[in-house]
Amino acid sequence: MKAIIIDDEQHVREGLLLLADWEQFGITDIYEAKDGAEAKEQITTHRPEIIFTDMNMPKVDGIDLLKWLHEKNLQSKIIVVSGYDDYHYMRNALCYGSFDYILKPIDPVILNDTLARATSEWKKQQVARASTLEATRVINEVKPLYWDHLLTNLLTHSVISQETVNKIQAEFAVNLKQVQCTVAVLTLVPIIQKAFGEDKNLAFFTLLNICNEIIQGKNKHGICFRNETKDNEIVMFMWEKSDYFISQIHECIYRCYQMKLPIAVGKESHSLQESYQSALLALKKHNLLGKSNNIAYYHDMAKSSLLHLFDYSQELMWALRSGSMEKVDEILQGLFHRLQMNHELSMEQIQAWETQFEQMRTNWLKEYSIDEATVLYNGVNYWEEDGLFSFQKFKEEKRKEFHQLLELLSKVKYQKDKNSIQEIEAYLRNHYDKEITLQEIADRFYLSREYISRRFRQEYADTITNYLTNIRVMKAKELLENPHLKIYEIAFMVGYQNEKYFSKVFKKSTGFTPNEYRAQVVSK
């Protein structure tokens, strides 16, 4: 704790310093002032909890100082120390809230008793003040949440209860049943990404303060709140001058963050639900490549058809299966051109593209037996630094999504094809004793003969015919080591029905006839 002694007589100040048991009462810092003027500066700077002051001082006397302390509403305990047993001084001391009044010469017992009571009472009151501050803080934190919840419910209910009407009238001095309101919607998607580092709560807190400061002002012309059912939406109820306030909010956000956020303004209506729905419709259908101010009005809303990715699913699938990035880009470029020439780039169009792409991608992943938990790129950064929509960034993001998908499918397809070729190789090893044709293999593995031939040569650096021949010859060598087996029996056992043809193939491969090879093996 801190204390200050104010007296124009130095020996009085020194006496108080010596007589008071400061340490016992937890007072560690003690300041001095010789008059009221100097005391004001010290008190303003150090904020002492205990103030000892004389009444009769030059420049600013004790009475003027008490008045000043009363106006400042400081929580300090003031102890008047005076040499005047004067009702005039005592009355003013009591009037302006002094804790006690001590006469000079100072009695040490009375001084320390008074100091003990003053510090004790200050500590008790400090606990109460802290409790009050905490309660106020909690109320201030909870109150916006309460209004967010109450007002969000109005967006989905066509009938407003009288209880809610009364609460709003008590808080905002407006009867919702007697006025027409305009609802506007502010979407925070661009600014959360660009200005707040994805800190959504900070973005809401800051922008709600801006919006409410403009709309409410002194006379409360409306109220802004966070829509609890949406991730990135501020809703504004206005019962006066909606166009003016929307422009002011838009300009203020631009001045602060150099961003023109999308704001959609619904139609004026007695039904908040109806006005809100019209604002959402305006936001959905607003042409993002149109007006540069990024404000969408329901009454300016134009009708436009949507481009559906589903209509091009087969074309896109064949491009992906081809493994050609150029083919995919060619199809996408055509889609982007149709978008720009025949449709409007609206939030509704973007949502339709994203939803349909996600559905098609899910189906393609299932077709290739790819785990649905695979982390996939979802491009949503469509906004310039000023918050306006960028068609170029939209195209880049969509290309990234398709390029990643193409790489993923190609990788899986390659592995799948590799596995198929490996299965064909295993089939040759297990059925070398049978008559095997390329067509039979193609039919069995549902692959074309040309593809099998090409991929088998890539994987094993040999044709299927040569590979099968080598397997048969290796097996024949093992069988020739058995002197009890006839050559025609061995030929049949390794897949040849004709002994002469077998001998011809064996000699071509080893340089020996089967009999010559057996003779060499037996002689060793």
Protein backbone atom coordinates (compact mmCIF):
# COMPACT_ATOMS: atom_id res chain seq x y z
CA MET A 1 0.00 0.00 0.00
CA LYS A 2 0.98 3.65 -0.47
CA ALA A 3 0.38 6.79 1.57
CA ILE A 4 0.93 10.52 1.16
CA ILE A 5 1.41 13.24 3.80
CA ILE A 6 0.29 16.73 2.78
CA ASP A 7 1.28 19.62 5.07
CA ASP A 8 3.06 22.94 4.57
CA GLU A 9 5.06 22.41 7.75
CA GLN A 10 8.03 20.08 7.34
CA HIS A 11 8.23 19.16 11.03
CA VAL A 12 4.62 17.91 10.92
CA ARG A 13 5.42 15.70 7.96
CA GLU A 14 8.51 14.38 9.69
CA GLY A 15 6.52 13.76 12.86
CA LEU A 16 3.95 11.66 11.02
CA LEU A 17 6.73 9.72 9.33
CA LEU A 18 8.22 8.85 12.73
CA LEU A 19 5.06 8.25 14.74
CA ALA A 20 3.07 6.00 12.39
CA ASP A 21 3.82 2.27 12.38
CA TRP A 22 3.77 2.04 8.55
CA GLU A 23 5.24 -1.45 8.26
CA GLN A 24 2.63 -2.97 10.58
CA PHE A 25 -0.15 -1.81 8.26
CA GLY A 26 1.57 -2.92 5.05
CA ILE A 27 2.38 0.60 3.81
CA THR A 28 5.65 0.47 1.87
CA ASP A 29 5.70 3.74 -0.11
CA ILE A 30 5.19 7.15 1.54
CA TYR A 31 5.12 10.41 -0.42
CA GLU A 32 5.14 14.04 0.77
CA ALA A 33 3.62 17.28 -0.52
CA LYS A 34 3.79 20.78 0.98
CA ASP A 35 0.48 22.04 -0.44
CA GLY A 36 -2.65 20.95 -2.30
CA ALA A 37 -1.30 21.78 -5.76
CA GLU A 38 1.74 19.58 -5.31
CA ALA A 39 -0.45 16.90 -3.73
CA LYS A 40 -2.68 16.69 -6.80
CA GLU A 41 0.29 15.81 -8.98
CA GLN A 42 1.56 13.20 -6.52
CA ILE A 43 -1.87 11.62 -6.06
CA THR A 44 -2.50 11.50 -9.81
CA THR A 45 0.86 9.80 -10.38
CA HIS A 46 1.03 7.36 -7.44
CA ARG A 47 -2.63 6.75 -6.51
CA PRO A 48 -2.02 6.29 -2.74
CA GLU A 49 -4.54 4.33 -0.68
CA ILE A 50 -4.05 6.51 2.47
CA ILE A 51 -4.02 10.33 2.36
CA PHE A 52 -3.05 12.51 5.36
CA THR A 53 -3.79 16.17 4.71
CA ASP A 54 -3.68 19.47 6.61
CA MET A 55 -6.56 21.92 6.09
CA ASN A 56 -4.83 25.29 6.26
CA MET A 57 -2.28 25.39 3.41
CA PRO A 58 -1.13 27.96 0.81
CA LYS A 59 -2.14 27.84 -2.88
CA VAL A 60 -4.66 24.98 -2.67
CA ASP A 61 -5.89 24.46 0.88
CA GLY A 62 -7.35 21.34 2.45
CA ILE A 63 -10.95 22.14 1.61
CA ASP A 64 -10.20 22.64 -2.10
CA LEU A 65 -8.14 19.46 -2.11
CA LEU A 66 -11.01 17.51 -0.50
CA LYS A 67 -13.40 18.85 -3.15
CA TRP A 68 -10.98 17.75 -5.86
CA LEU A 69 -10.60 14.28 -4.32
CA HIS A 70 -14.39 13.97 -4.06
CA GLU A 71 -14.83 14.86 -7.74
CA LYS A 72 -12.17 12.32 -8.74
CA ASN A 73 -14.07 9.64 -6.82
CA LEU A 74 -10.86 8.07 -5.60
CA GLN A 75 -11.14 5.07 -3.32
CA SER A 76 -8.42 6.41 -0.95
CA LYS A 77 -8.99 6.81 2.78
CA ILE A 78 -8.53 10.49 3.73
CA ILE A 79 -7.40 11.42 7.26
CA VAL A 80 -7.48 15.13 8.04
CA VAL A 81 -4.71 16.34 10.39
CA SER A 82 -5.36 19.88 11.55
CA GLY A 83 -4.37 22.24 14.31
CA TYR A 84 -7.82 23.81 14.21
CA ASP A 85 -10.64 22.40 16.27
CA ASP A 86 -12.98 24.27 13.98
CA TYR A 87 -16.50 23.15 13.01
CA HIS A 88 -16.05 24.72 9.55
CA TYR A 89 -13.10 22.45 8.79
CA MET A 90 -14.70 19.39 10.37
CA ARG A 91 -17.96 19.91 8.47
CA ASN A 92 -16.11 20.09 5.13
CA ALA A 93 -14.00 17.10 6.03
CA LEU A 94 -17.15 15.05 6.69
CA CYS A 95 -18.96 16.53 3.69
CA TYR A 96 -16.27 15.43 1.26
CA GLY A 97 -15.88 11.96 2.66
CA SER A 98 -12.81 12.06 4.87
CA PHE A 99 -12.34 8.93 6.97
CA ASP A 100 -11.34 10.71 10.21
CA TYR A 101 -10.17 13.99 11.67
CA ILE A 102 -7.07 14.17 13.94
CA LEU A 103 -5.99 17.26 15.85
CA LYS A 104 -2.47 18.48 16.29
CA PRO A 105 -0.35 17.89 18.29
CA ILE A 106 -0.60 14.30 17.12
CA ASP A 107 -1.12 11.54 19.65
CA PRO A 108 0.76 8.41 18.44
CA VAL A 109 -1.87 6.06 19.86
CA ILE A 110 -4.73 7.90 18.15
CA LEU A 111 -2.70 8.14 14.93
CA ASN A 112 -1.98 4.41 14.72
CA ASP A 113 -5.48 3.46 15.79
CA THR A 114 -6.91 5.67 13.04
CA LEU A 115 -4.42 4.26 10.52
CA ALA A 116 -5.30 0.70 11.52
CA ARG A 117 -9.02 1.31 10.98
CA ALA A 118 -8.43 3.14 7.70
CA THR A 119 -6.25 0.39 6.14
CA SER A 120 -8.59 -2.34 7.38
CA GLU A 121 -11.65 -0.67 5.88
CA TRP A 122 -9.84 0.03 2.60
CA LYS A 123 -8.92 -3.66 2.28
CA LYS A 124 -12.48 -4.80 2.97
CA GLN A 125 -13.86 -2.35 0.42
CA GLN A 126 -11.20 -3.42 -2.09
CA VAL A 127 -12.43 -7.02 -1.87
CA ALA A 128 -15.98 -5.80 -2.47
CA ARG A 129 -14.84 -3.63 -5.37
CA ALA A 130 -12.96 -6.54 -6.94
CA SER A 131 -16.06 -8.73 -6.61
CA THR A 132 -18.19 -6.03 -8.22
CA LEU A 133 -15.71 -5.58 -11.05
CA GLU A 134 -15.64 -9.31 -11.70
CA ALA A 135 -19.43 -9.48 -11.71
CA THR A 136 -19.55 -6.54 -14.11
CA ARG A 137 -16.96 -8.17 -16.35
CA VAL A 138 -18.92 -11.42 -16.48
CA ILE A 139 -22.13 -9.56 -17.25
CA ASN A 140 -20.43 -7.58 -20.01
CA GLU A 141 -19.10 -10.80 -21.51
CA VAL A 142 -22.36 -12.72 -21.25
CA LYS A 143 -24.68 -9.91 -22.39
CA PRO A 144 -23.59 -9.96 -26.07
CA LEU A 145 -23.95 -13.75 -26.10
CA TYR A 146 -27.46 -13.40 -24.70
CA TRP A 147 -28.47 -10.96 -27.43
CA ASP A 148 -26.77 -13.06 -30.11
CA HIS A 149 -28.88 -16.02 -29.02
CA LEU A 150 -32.15 -14.11 -28.71
CA LEU A 151 -31.79 -12.25 -32.00
CA THR A 152 -30.59 -15.34 -33.91
CA ASN A 153 -33.87 -17.05 -32.98
CA LEU A 154 -35.80 -14.25 -34.69
CA LEU A 155 -34.24 -15.21 -38.03
CA THR A 156 -36.12 -18.52 -38.13
CA HIS A 157 -39.44 -17.56 -36.50
CA SER A 158 -42.18 -15.79 -38.39
CA VAL A 159 -43.97 -14.85 -35.15
CA ILE A 160 -42.18 -12.92 -32.40
CA SER A 161 -43.40 -13.41 -28.85
CA GLN A 162 -44.60 -10.41 -26.87
CA GLU A 163 -41.94 -11.17 -24.26
CA THR A 164 -39.20 -10.80 -26.88
CA VAL A 165 -40.80 -7.63 -28.24
CA ASN A 166 -40.80 -6.19 -24.72
CA LYS A 167 -37.15 -7.07 -24.13
CA ILE A 168 -36.06 -5.46 -27.38
CA GLN A 169 -38.16 -2.38 -26.70
CA ALA A 170 -36.65 -2.02 -23.21
CA GLU A 171 -33.10 -2.35 -24.57
CA PHE A 172 -33.34 -0.51 -27.90
CA ALA A 173 -36.46 1.68 -27.55
CA VAL A 174 -38.21 0.21 -30.58
CA ASN A 175 -41.39 -1.84 -30.93
CA LEU A 176 -40.73 -4.44 -33.64
CA LYS A 177 -44.46 -4.96 -34.19
CA GLN A 178 -44.95 -1.31 -35.11
CA VAL A 179 -42.04 -0.68 -37.48
CA GLN A 180 -40.71 -2.08 -40.72
CA CYS A 181 -37.15 -3.33 -40.48
CA THR A 182 -34.40 -3.99 -42.99
CA VAL A 183 -32.07 -6.90 -42.41
CA ALA A 184 -28.57 -6.93 -43.89
CA VAL A 185 -26.00 -9.70 -43.86
CA LEU A 186 -22.25 -9.16 -43.65
CA THR A 187 -20.05 -12.13 -44.54
CA LEU A 188 -16.62 -12.28 -42.91
CA VAL A 189 -14.99 -14.92 -45.10
CA PRO A 190 -12.47 -12.66 -46.89
CA ILE A 191 -11.47 -10.58 -43.85
CA ILE A 192 -10.97 -13.57 -41.53
CA GLN A 193 -8.46 -14.98 -44.00
CA LYS A 194 -6.72 -11.72 -44.92
CA ALA A 195 -6.79 -9.45 -41.86
CA PHE A 196 -7.21 -11.65 -38.78
CA GLY A 197 -5.02 -14.67 -39.48
CA GLU A 198 -8.01 -17.04 -39.26
CA ASP A 199 -8.83 -15.74 -35.74
CA LYS A 200 -12.60 -15.84 -36.17
CA ASN A 201 -13.51 -14.62 -32.66
CA LEU A 202 -11.28 -11.56 -32.95
CA ALA A 203 -12.80 -10.75 -36.34
CA PHE A 204 -16.34 -10.95 -34.94
CA PHE A 205 -15.47 -8.88 -31.87
CA THR A 206 -13.82 -6.12 -33.91
CA LEU A 207 -16.37 -5.88 -36.70
CA LEU A 208 -19.37 -6.06 -34.37
CA ASN A 209 -17.93 -3.09 -32.46
CA ILE A 210 -17.58 -1.13 -35.70
CA CYS A 211 -21.09 -2.01 -36.92
CA ASN A 212 -22.85 -1.33 -33.61
CA GLU A 213 -21.01 1.93 -33.04
CA ILE A 214 -22.33 3.21 -36.38
CA ILE A 215 -25.85 1.77 -36.26
CA GLN A 216 -26.64 2.35 -32.62
CA GLY A 217 -24.98 5.71 -32.14
CA LYS A 218 -26.83 7.82 -29.61
CA ASN A 219 -30.35 6.91 -30.67
CA LYS A 220 -30.01 3.18 -31.43
CA HIS A 221 -31.19 2.94 -35.04
CA GLY A 222 -30.53 -0.81 -35.16
CA ILE A 223 -28.54 -3.69 -33.72
CA CYS A 224 -25.82 -5.95 -35.11
CA PHE A 225 -25.17 -9.45 -33.81
CA ARG A 226 -23.39 -12.68 -34.56
CA ASN A 227 -25.57 -15.31 -36.22
CA GLU A 228 -25.07 -18.36 -34.01
CA THR A 229 -26.13 -20.73 -36.79
CA LYS A 230 -23.52 -19.54 -39.30
CA ASP A 231 -19.75 -19.63 -39.11
CA ASN A 232 -18.96 -16.31 -40.78
CA GLU A 233 -22.04 -14.08 -40.63
CA ILE A 234 -22.96 -10.81 -38.93
CA VAL A 235 -26.62 -9.81 -39.14
CA MET A 236 -27.88 -6.23 -38.91
CA PHE A 237 -31.42 -5.18 -37.93
CA MET A 238 -32.14 -1.58 -38.91
CA TRP A 239 -35.36 0.31 -38.38
CA GLU A 240 -34.09 3.63 -39.72
CA LYS A 241 -31.84 4.89 -42.55
CA SER A 242 -30.63 1.45 -43.60
CA ASP A 243 -28.92 2.57 -46.82
CA TYR A 244 -27.02 5.30 -44.99
CA PHE A 245 -25.77 2.95 -42.25
CA ILE A 246 -24.80 0.22 -44.72
CA SER A 247 -22.68 2.71 -46.65
CA GLN A 248 -21.11 4.01 -43.45
CA ILE A 249 -20.23 0.50 -42.26
CA HIS A 250 -18.83 -0.46 -45.63
CA GLU A 251 -16.67 2.68 -45.79
CA CYS A 252 -15.48 2.36 -42.18
CA ILE A 253 -14.35 -1.25 -42.66
CA TYR A 254 -12.56 -0.21 -45.83
CA ARG A 255 -10.78 2.65 -44.03
CA CYS A 256 -9.67 0.31 -41.23
CA TYR A 257 -8.70 -2.76 -43.27
CA GLN A 258 -8.68 -1.67 -46.95
CA MET A 259 -11.24 -4.39 -47.64
CA LYS A 260 -14.68 -4.17 -49.26
CA LEU A 261 -16.61 -6.91 -47.52
CA PRO A 262 -19.72 -8.43 -49.14
CA ILE A 263 -22.89 -6.98 -47.60
CA ALA A 264 -26.35 -8.10 -48.72
CA VAL A 265 -29.39 -5.94 -47.96
CA GLY A 266 -32.85 -7.51 -47.80
CA LYS A 267 -36.18 -5.91 -48.45
CA GLU A 268 -37.95 -3.75 -45.89
CA SER A 269 -40.60 -5.76 -44.05
CA HIS A 270 -42.57 -6.13 -40.83
CA SER A 271 -41.23 -9.71 -40.76
CA LEU A 272 -37.60 -9.99 -39.74
CA GLN A 273 -37.55 -13.54 -41.03
CA GLU A 274 -38.76 -12.45 -44.45
CA SER A 275 -36.25 -9.60 -44.67
CA TYR A 276 -33.42 -11.89 -43.58
CA GLN A 277 -34.31 -14.53 -46.17
CA SER A 278 -34.39 -11.89 -48.88
CA ALA A 279 -30.94 -10.68 -47.77
CA LEU A 280 -29.60 -14.24 -47.99
CA LEU A 281 -31.07 -14.57 -51.46
CA ALA A 282 -29.42 -11.30 -52.51
CA LEU A 283 -26.11 -12.54 -51.11
CA LYS A 284 -26.40 -15.87 -52.93
CA LYS A 285 -27.24 -14.37 -56.30
CA HIS A 286 -25.05 -11.26 -56.15
CA ASN A 287 -22.75 -11.14 -59.18
CA LEU A 288 -19.28 -11.12 -57.65
CA LEU A 289 -17.81 -9.85 -60.91
CA GLY A 290 -20.26 -6.93 -61.01
CA LYS A 291 -20.29 -3.80 -58.85
CA SER A 292 -16.97 -2.96 -57.26
CA ASN A 293 -18.50 -1.77 -53.97
CA ASN A 294 -19.53 -5.36 -53.08
CA ILE A 295 -22.96 -4.35 -51.72
CA ALA A 296 -25.87 -6.48 -52.95
CA TYR A 297 -29.48 -5.22 -52.74
CA TYR A 298 -32.46 -7.52 -52.96
CA HIS A 299 -34.29 -5.16 -55.30
CA ASP A 300 -31.31 -5.22 -57.75
CA MET A 301 -31.05 -9.00 -57.83
CA ALA A 302 -30.84 -10.47 -61.34
CA LYS A 303 -31.89 -13.97 -62.38
CA SER A 304 -29.22 -16.23 -63.81
CA SER A 305 -28.93 -19.95 -64.53
CA LEU A 306 -26.25 -22.06 -62.87
CA LEU A 307 -23.50 -24.04 -64.53
CA HIS A 308 -23.60 -27.61 -63.22
CA LEU A 309 -20.43 -29.71 -63.08
CA PHE A 310 -22.62 -32.81 -63.11
CA ASP A 311 -23.39 -32.04 -66.77
CA TYR A 312 -19.68 -32.52 -67.57
CA SER A 313 -18.90 -35.43 -65.25
CA GLN A 314 -18.26 -37.97 -68.03
CA GLU A 315 -16.03 -35.59 -69.93
CA LEU A 316 -14.05 -34.81 -66.77
CA MET A 317 -13.82 -38.49 -65.81
CA TRP A 318 -12.32 -39.47 -69.16
CA ALA A 319 -9.80 -36.65 -68.87
CA LEU A 320 -8.78 -37.84 -65.41
CA ARG A 321 -8.53 -41.46 -66.57
CA SER A 322 -6.31 -40.40 -69.45
CA GLY A 323 -3.78 -39.08 -66.95
CA SER A 324 -3.30 -35.99 -69.10
CA MET A 325 -2.98 -32.69 -67.22
CA GLU A 326 -3.34 -30.85 -70.52
CA LYS A 327 -6.67 -32.55 -71.24
CA VAL A 328 -8.02 -31.67 -67.78
CA ASP A 329 -6.91 -28.03 -68.20
CA GLU A 330 -8.54 -27.88 -71.61
CA ILE A 331 -11.91 -28.98 -70.23
CA LEU A 332 -11.64 -26.63 -67.23
CA GLN A 333 -10.79 -23.71 -69.49
CA GLY A 334 -13.96 -24.40 -71.43
CA LEU A 335 -16.00 -24.46 -68.22
CA PHE A 336 -14.47 -21.20 -67.02
CA HIS A 337 -15.28 -19.60 -70.36
CA ARG A 338 -18.92 -20.73 -70.17
CA LEU A 339 -19.13 -19.40 -66.61
CA GLN A 340 -17.92 -15.97 -67.62
CA MET A 341 -19.96 -15.71 -70.81
CA ASN A 342 -23.26 -17.41 -69.98
CA HIS A 343 -23.60 -17.29 -66.18
CA GLU A 344 -23.00 -15.02 -63.19
CA LEU A 345 -20.24 -15.76 -60.70
CA SER A 346 -22.34 -15.69 -57.54
CA MET A 347 -21.98 -17.31 -54.12
CA GLU A 348 -24.76 -19.65 -55.22
CA GLN A 349 -22.73 -20.64 -58.30
CA ILE A 350 -19.57 -21.16 -56.24
CA GLN A 351 -21.47 -23.29 -53.72
CA ALA A 352 -23.00 -25.37 -56.53
CA TRP A 353 -19.57 -25.95 -58.07
CA GLU A 354 -18.02 -26.89 -54.72
CA THR A 355 -20.86 -29.23 -53.72
CA GLN A 356 -20.97 -31.03 -57.07
CA PHE A 357 -17.19 -31.32 -57.30
CA GLU A 358 -17.08 -32.82 -53.80
CA GLN A 359 -19.75 -35.38 -54.75
CA MET A 360 -17.98 -36.34 -57.98
CA ARG A 361 -14.61 -36.54 -56.26
CA THR A 362 -16.05 -38.80 -53.56
CA ASN A 363 -17.46 -41.13 -56.23
CA TRP A 364 -14.17 -41.22 -58.13
CA LEU A 365 -12.23 -42.01 -54.96
CA LYS A 366 -14.61 -44.88 -54.20
CA GLU A 367 -14.21 -46.19 -57.74
CA TYR A 368 -10.44 -46.32 -57.24
CA SER A 369 -10.81 -47.73 -53.69
CA ILE A 370 -9.03 -44.72 -52.18
CA ASP A 371 -9.47 -44.16 -48.46
CA GLU A 372 -12.01 -41.39 -47.84
CA ALA A 373 -9.80 -40.09 -44.99
CA THR A 374 -7.16 -39.03 -47.53
CA VAL A 375 -6.29 -35.36 -47.02
CA LEU A 376 -7.45 -33.47 -50.10
CA TYR A 377 -6.97 -29.87 -51.16
CA ASN A 378 -10.05 -27.66 -50.94
CA GLY A 379 -9.37 -24.31 -52.55
CA VAL A 380 -11.40 -21.45 -51.05
CA ASN A 381 -9.04 -18.48 -51.35
CA TYR A 382 -10.97 -16.56 -54.00
CA TRP A 383 -10.45 -13.06 -52.60
CA GLU A 384 -8.13 -10.19 -53.43
CA GLU A 385 -6.39 -8.22 -50.69
CA ASP A 386 -9.22 -5.66 -50.83
CA GLY A 387 -11.86 -8.33 -50.20
CA LEU A 388 -13.25 -8.39 -53.74
CA PHE A 389 -13.78 -11.67 -55.55
CA SER A 390 -11.04 -12.73 -57.96
CA PHE A 391 -12.10 -14.89 -60.88
CA GLN A 392 -8.42 -15.60 -61.59
CA LYS A 393 -7.90 -16.97 -58.06
CA PHE A 394 -11.09 -19.00 -58.35
CA LYS A 395 -9.74 -20.63 -61.51
CA GLU A 396 -6.37 -21.29 -59.90
CA GLU A 397 -7.97 -22.92 -56.85
CA LYS A 398 -10.21 -25.16 -58.98
CA ARG A 399 -7.24 -26.20 -61.13
CA LYS A 400 -5.28 -27.12 -57.99
CA GLU A 401 -8.14 -29.35 -56.84
CA PHE A 402 -8.35 -31.17 -60.18
CA HIS A 403 -4.57 -31.43 -60.55
CA GLN A 404 -4.23 -33.01 -57.10
CA LEU A 405 -7.05 -35.42 -57.92
CA LEU A 406 -5.44 -36.32 -61.25
CA GLU A 407 -2.10 -37.04 -59.55
CA LEU A 408 -3.80 -39.14 -56.88
CA LEU A 409 -5.87 -41.19 -59.34
CA SER A 410 -2.90 -41.65 -61.68
CA LYS A 411 -0.74 -42.88 -58.84
CA VAL A 412 -3.40 -45.34 -57.70
CA LYS A 413 -4.13 -46.40 -61.26
CA TYR A 414 -0.44 -47.03 -61.88
CA GLN A 415 -0.18 -49.11 -58.71
CA LYS A 416 -3.38 -50.94 -59.58
CA ASP A 417 -2.13 -51.68 -63.09
CA LYS A 418 1.24 -52.74 -61.68
CA ASN A 419 -0.53 -55.13 -59.36
CA SER A 420 -2.51 -56.52 -62.30
CA ILE A 421 0.67 -57.20 -64.28
CA GLN A 422 2.19 -58.87 -61.24
CA GLU A 423 -0.93 -61.05 -60.99
CA ILE A 424 -0.52 -61.96 -64.68
CA GLU A 425 3.11 -62.95 -64.03
CA ALA A 426 2.01 -65.12 -61.11
CA TYR A 427 -0.66 -66.67 -63.32
CA LEU A 428 2.00 -67.62 -65.89
CA ARG A 429 4.12 -69.30 -63.20
CA ASN A 430 1.16 -71.26 -61.84
CA HIS A 431 -0.25 -72.34 -65.24
CA TYR A 432 2.83 -72.77 -67.43
CA ASP A 433 1.74 -76.38 -68.10
CA LYS A 434 -1.47 -75.17 -69.77
CA GLU A 435 -2.11 -73.75 -73.20
CA ILE A 436 -2.06 -69.97 -72.57
CA THR A 437 -2.94 -67.30 -75.10
CA LEU A 438 -2.76 -63.51 -74.82
CA GLN A 439 -6.49 -63.27 -75.49
CA GLU A 440 -7.20 -65.66 -72.63
CA ILE A 441 -5.13 -63.47 -70.30
CA ALA A 442 -6.91 -60.32 -71.55
CA ASP A 443 -10.32 -61.88 -70.92
CA ARG A 444 -9.35 -63.14 -67.48
CA PHE A 445 -7.93 -59.80 -66.24
CA TYR A 446 -10.32 -57.44 -68.10
CA LEU A 447 -7.49 -55.64 -69.86
CA SER A 448 -6.76 -55.15 -73.54
CA ARG A 449 -4.12 -57.36 -75.21
CA GLU A 450 -2.20 -54.30 -76.37
CA TYR A 451 -2.15 -52.80 -72.86
CA ILE A 452 -1.02 -56.11 -71.30
CA SER A 453 1.78 -56.51 -73.84
CA ARG A 454 3.02 -52.97 -73.34
CA ARG A 455 2.83 -52.93 -69.54
CA PHE A 456 4.32 -56.46 -69.16
CA ARG A 457 7.33 -55.46 -71.25
CA GLN A 458 7.73 -52.28 -69.11
CA GLU A 459 7.59 -54.27 -65.88
CA TYR A 460 9.63 -57.38 -66.83
CA ALA A 461 11.68 -56.22 -69.84
CA ASP A 462 10.42 -59.11 -71.94
CA THR A 463 7.41 -60.28 -73.92
CA ILE A 464 4.84 -62.56 -72.36
CA THR A 465 5.71 -65.31 -74.89
CA ASN A 466 9.43 -65.23 -74.05
CA TYR A 467 8.75 -64.99 -70.32
CA LEU A 468 6.46 -68.04 -70.45
CA THR A 469 9.01 -69.94 -72.54
CA ASN A 470 11.75 -69.21 -70.01
CA ILE A 471 9.54 -70.52 -67.19
CA ARG A 472 8.83 -73.74 -69.14
CA VAL A 473 12.49 -74.28 -70.01
CA MET A 474 13.57 -73.76 -66.38
CA LYS A 475 10.97 -76.29 -65.24
CA ALA A 476 12.00 -78.71 -67.99
CA LYS A 477 15.63 -78.55 -66.78
CA GLU A 478 14.49 -79.62 -63.33
CA LEU A 479 12.48 -82.52 -64.77
CA LEU A 480 15.34 -83.70 -67.03
CA GLU A 481 17.37 -84.47 -63.95
CA ASN A 482 14.96 -87.38 -63.36
CA PRO A 483 16.22 -90.24 -65.67
CA HIS A 484 12.96 -92.12 -65.39
CA LEU A 485 10.89 -89.45 -67.20
CA LYS A 486 10.52 -89.70 -70.97
CA ILE A 487 11.19 -86.57 -73.06
CA TYR A 488 7.61 -86.53 -74.40
CA GLU A 489 6.34 -86.75 -70.80
CA ILE A 490 8.43 -83.75 -69.80
CA ALA A 491 7.24 -81.82 -72.88
CA PHE A 492 3.63 -82.44 -71.88
CA MET A 493 4.31 -81.54 -68.26
CA VAL A 494 5.67 -78.09 -69.21
CA GLY A 495 2.85 -77.22 -71.60
CA TYR A 496 3.96 -78.60 -74.99
CA GLN A 497 1.80 -81.17 -76.79
CA ASN A 498 4.45 -81.86 -79.44
CA GLU A 499 7.79 -83.41 -78.42
CA LYS A 500 9.64 -82.15 -81.51
CA TYR A 501 8.45 -78.58 -81.01
CA PHE A 502 9.48 -78.77 -77.33
CA SER A 503 12.96 -80.00 -78.30
CA LYS A 504 13.30 -77.17 -80.83
CA VAL A 505 12.29 -74.52 -78.26
CA PHE A 506 14.58 -76.07 -75.58
CA LYS A 507 17.63 -76.11 -77.88
CA LYS A 508 17.01 -72.54 -79.00
CA SER A 509 16.94 -71.44 -75.37
CA THR A 510 19.84 -73.56 -73.97
CA GLY A 511 21.95 -74.57 -77.00
CA PHE A 512 21.31 -78.26 -76.25
CA THR A 513 18.62 -80.75 -77.08
CA PRO A 514 16.80 -82.20 -74.08
CA ASN A 515 18.76 -85.48 -74.42
CA GLU A 516 22.12 -83.65 -74.65
CA TYR A 517 21.23 -81.58 -71.56
CA ARG A 518 20.23 -84.74 -69.63
CA ALA A 519 23.48 -86.47 -70.62
CA GLN A 520 25.50 -83.54 -69.24
CA VAL A 521 23.54 -83.54 -65.98
CA VAL A 522 23.85 -87.31 -65.50
CA SER A 523 27.64 -87.34 -66.21
CA LYS A 524 28.35 -84.80 -63.46
